[in-house]
Amino acid sequence: MDIPQETCYFCGEPIVMVKGAYRKVTGWAQIREQGGTNSLSLMSEPEAWAHPACVDRQRLKKRGMGPHTEPLF
């Protein structure tokens, strides 16, 4: 059986599309009166795939945490 392979959106390394891989989705966010948002993800043909570790690194960067401040747990 051939396993489809793509390239990671962030690091460019090959990624095997199996459990745990992330796929890019589009969506909408509704602003609530109480503050915050209600979000809706729309699944369509995947534009990109990424390794879980690469997604985590991007999430930490957005929060202003560099590699030296990543939590141990």
C-alpha atoms as a PDB file:
ATOM      1  CA  MET A   1       0.000   0.000   0.000  1.00  0.00           C
ATOM      2  CA  ASP A   2       1.364   3.441  -0.938  1.00  0.00           C
ATOM      3  CA  ILE A   3       1.271   5.993   1.874  1.00  0.00           C
ATOM      4  CA  PRO A   4       0.674   9.499   0.462  1.00  0.00           C
ATOM      5  CA  GLN A   5       3.415  11.951   1.431  1.00  0.00           C
ATOM      6  CA  GLU A   6       3.444  15.722   1.568  1.00  0.00           C
ATOM      7  CA  THR A   7       5.960  18.320   2.669  1.00  0.00           C
ATOM      8  CA  CYS A   8       5.600  20.043   6.047  1.00  0.00           C
ATOM      9  CA  TYR A   9       4.298  23.608   5.643  1.00  0.00           C
ATOM     10  CA  PHE A  10       6.772  24.931   8.251  1.00  0.00           C
ATOM     11  CA  CYS A  11      10.012  22.922   7.998  1.00  0.00           C
ATOM     12  CA  GLY A  12       9.834  21.539   4.461  1.00  0.00           C
ATOM     13  CA  GLU A  13      10.625  17.978   5.556  1.00  0.00           C
ATOM     14  CA  PRO A  14       8.516  15.066   4.296  1.00  0.00           C
ATOM     15  CA  ILE A  15       5.465  14.186   6.359  1.00  0.00           C
ATOM     16  CA  VAL A  16       3.572  10.919   6.180  1.00  0.00           C
ATOM     17  CA  MET A  17      -0.141  11.666   6.411  1.00  0.00           C
ATOM     18  CA  VAL A  18      -1.124   9.444   9.325  1.00  0.00           C
ATOM     19  CA  LYS A  19      -2.629  10.011  12.757  1.00  0.00           C
ATOM     20  CA  GLY A  20      -1.175  13.022  14.513  1.00  0.00           C
ATOM     21  CA  ALA A  21      -0.388  15.121  11.440  1.00  0.00           C
ATOM     22  CA  TYR A  22      -2.043  18.536  11.245  1.00  0.00           C
ATOM     23  CA  ARG A  23      -3.857  19.841   8.185  1.00  0.00           C
ATOM     24  CA  LYS A  24      -4.549  23.468   7.380  1.00  0.00           C
ATOM     25  CA  VAL A  25      -8.241  24.452   7.524  1.00  0.00           C
ATOM     26  CA  THR A  26     -10.227  27.627   6.909  1.00  0.00           C
ATOM     27  CA  GLY A  27     -12.853  29.030   9.212  1.00  0.00           C
ATOM     28  CA  TRP A  28     -14.899  31.826  10.683  1.00  0.00           C
ATOM     29  CA  ALA A  29     -14.905  33.466  14.113  1.00  0.00           C
ATOM     30  CA  GLN A  30     -17.953  35.175  15.630  1.00  0.00           C
ATOM     31  CA  ILE A  31     -17.276  37.950  18.148  1.00  0.00           C
ATOM     32  CA  ARG A  32     -19.383  37.505  21.281  1.00  0.00           C
ATOM     33  CA  GLU A  33     -20.887  40.305  23.383  1.00  0.00           C
ATOM     34  CA  GLN A  34     -19.274  38.815  26.518  1.00  0.00           C
ATOM     35  CA  GLY A  35     -15.864  38.909  24.844  1.00  0.00           C
ATOM     36  CA  GLY A  36     -13.979  36.182  23.042  1.00  0.00           C
ATOM     37  CA  THR A  37     -15.137  34.356  19.935  1.00  0.00           C
ATOM     38  CA  ASN A  38     -17.029  31.323  18.732  1.00  0.00           C
ATOM     39  CA  SER A  39     -14.953  29.595  16.057  1.00  0.00           C
ATOM     40  CA  LEU A  40     -16.009  27.332  13.221  1.00  0.00           C
ATOM     41  CA  SER A  41     -13.516  25.255  11.212  1.00  0.00           C
ATOM     42  CA  LEU A  42     -14.433  24.393   7.645  1.00  0.00           C
ATOM     43  CA  MET A  43     -12.960  21.188   6.279  1.00  0.00           C
ATOM     44  CA  SER A  44     -12.153  21.256   2.586  1.00  0.00           C
ATOM     45  CA  GLU A  45      -9.367  19.913   0.389  1.00  0.00           C
ATOM     46  CA  PRO A  46      -6.267  20.294   2.554  1.00  0.00           C
ATOM     47  CA  GLU A  47      -3.959  23.078   1.403  1.00  0.00           C
ATOM     48  CA  ALA A  48      -1.064  22.064   3.634  1.00  0.00           C
ATOM     49  CA  TRP A  49       0.097  19.531   6.193  1.00  0.00           C
ATOM     50  CA  ALA A  50       2.459  19.925   9.171  1.00  0.00           C
ATOM     51  CA  HIS A  51       4.262  17.905  11.824  1.00  0.00           C
ATOM     52  CA  PRO A  52       2.793  18.171  15.342  1.00  0.00           C
ATOM     53  CA  ALA A  53       6.117  19.510  16.697  1.00  0.00           C
ATOM     54  CA  CYS A  54       6.224  22.208  14.002  1.00  0.00           C
ATOM     55  CA  VAL A  55       2.680  23.342  14.871  1.00  0.00           C
ATOM     56  CA  ASP A  56       3.611  23.465  18.571  1.00  0.00           C
ATOM     57  CA  ARG A  57       6.684  25.604  17.821  1.00  0.00           C
ATOM     58  CA  GLN A  58       4.533  28.046  15.808  1.00  0.00           C
ATOM     59  CA  ARG A  59       1.969  28.202  18.617  1.00  0.00           C
ATOM     60  CA  LEU A  60       4.695  29.048  21.147  1.00  0.00           C
ATOM     61  CA  LYS A  61       6.160  31.711  18.830  1.00  0.00           C
ATOM     62  CA  LYS A  62       2.738  33.385  18.544  1.00  0.00           C
ATOM     63  CA  ARG A  63       2.551  33.463  22.353  1.00  0.00           C
ATOM     64  CA  GLY A  64       5.986  35.131  22.485  1.00  0.00           C
ATOM     65  CA  MET A  65       7.778  32.099  23.865  1.00  0.00           C
ATOM     66  CA  GLY A  66      11.086  31.203  22.254  1.00  0.00           C
ATOM     67  CA  PRO A  67      12.650  27.751  22.216  1.00  0.00           C
ATOM     68  CA  HIS A  68      14.508  28.477  25.480  1.00  0.00           C
ATOM     69  CA  THR A  69      11.229  29.096  27.353  1.00  0.00           C
ATOM     70  CA  GLU A  70       9.234  26.080  26.148  1.00  0.00           C
ATOM     71  CA  PRO A  71       7.561  24.241  29.042  1.00  0.00           C
ATOM     72  CA  LEU A  72       8.963  20.862  30.043  1.00  0.00           C
ATOM     73  CA  PHE A  73       5.527  19.305  30.523  1.00  0.00           C
END
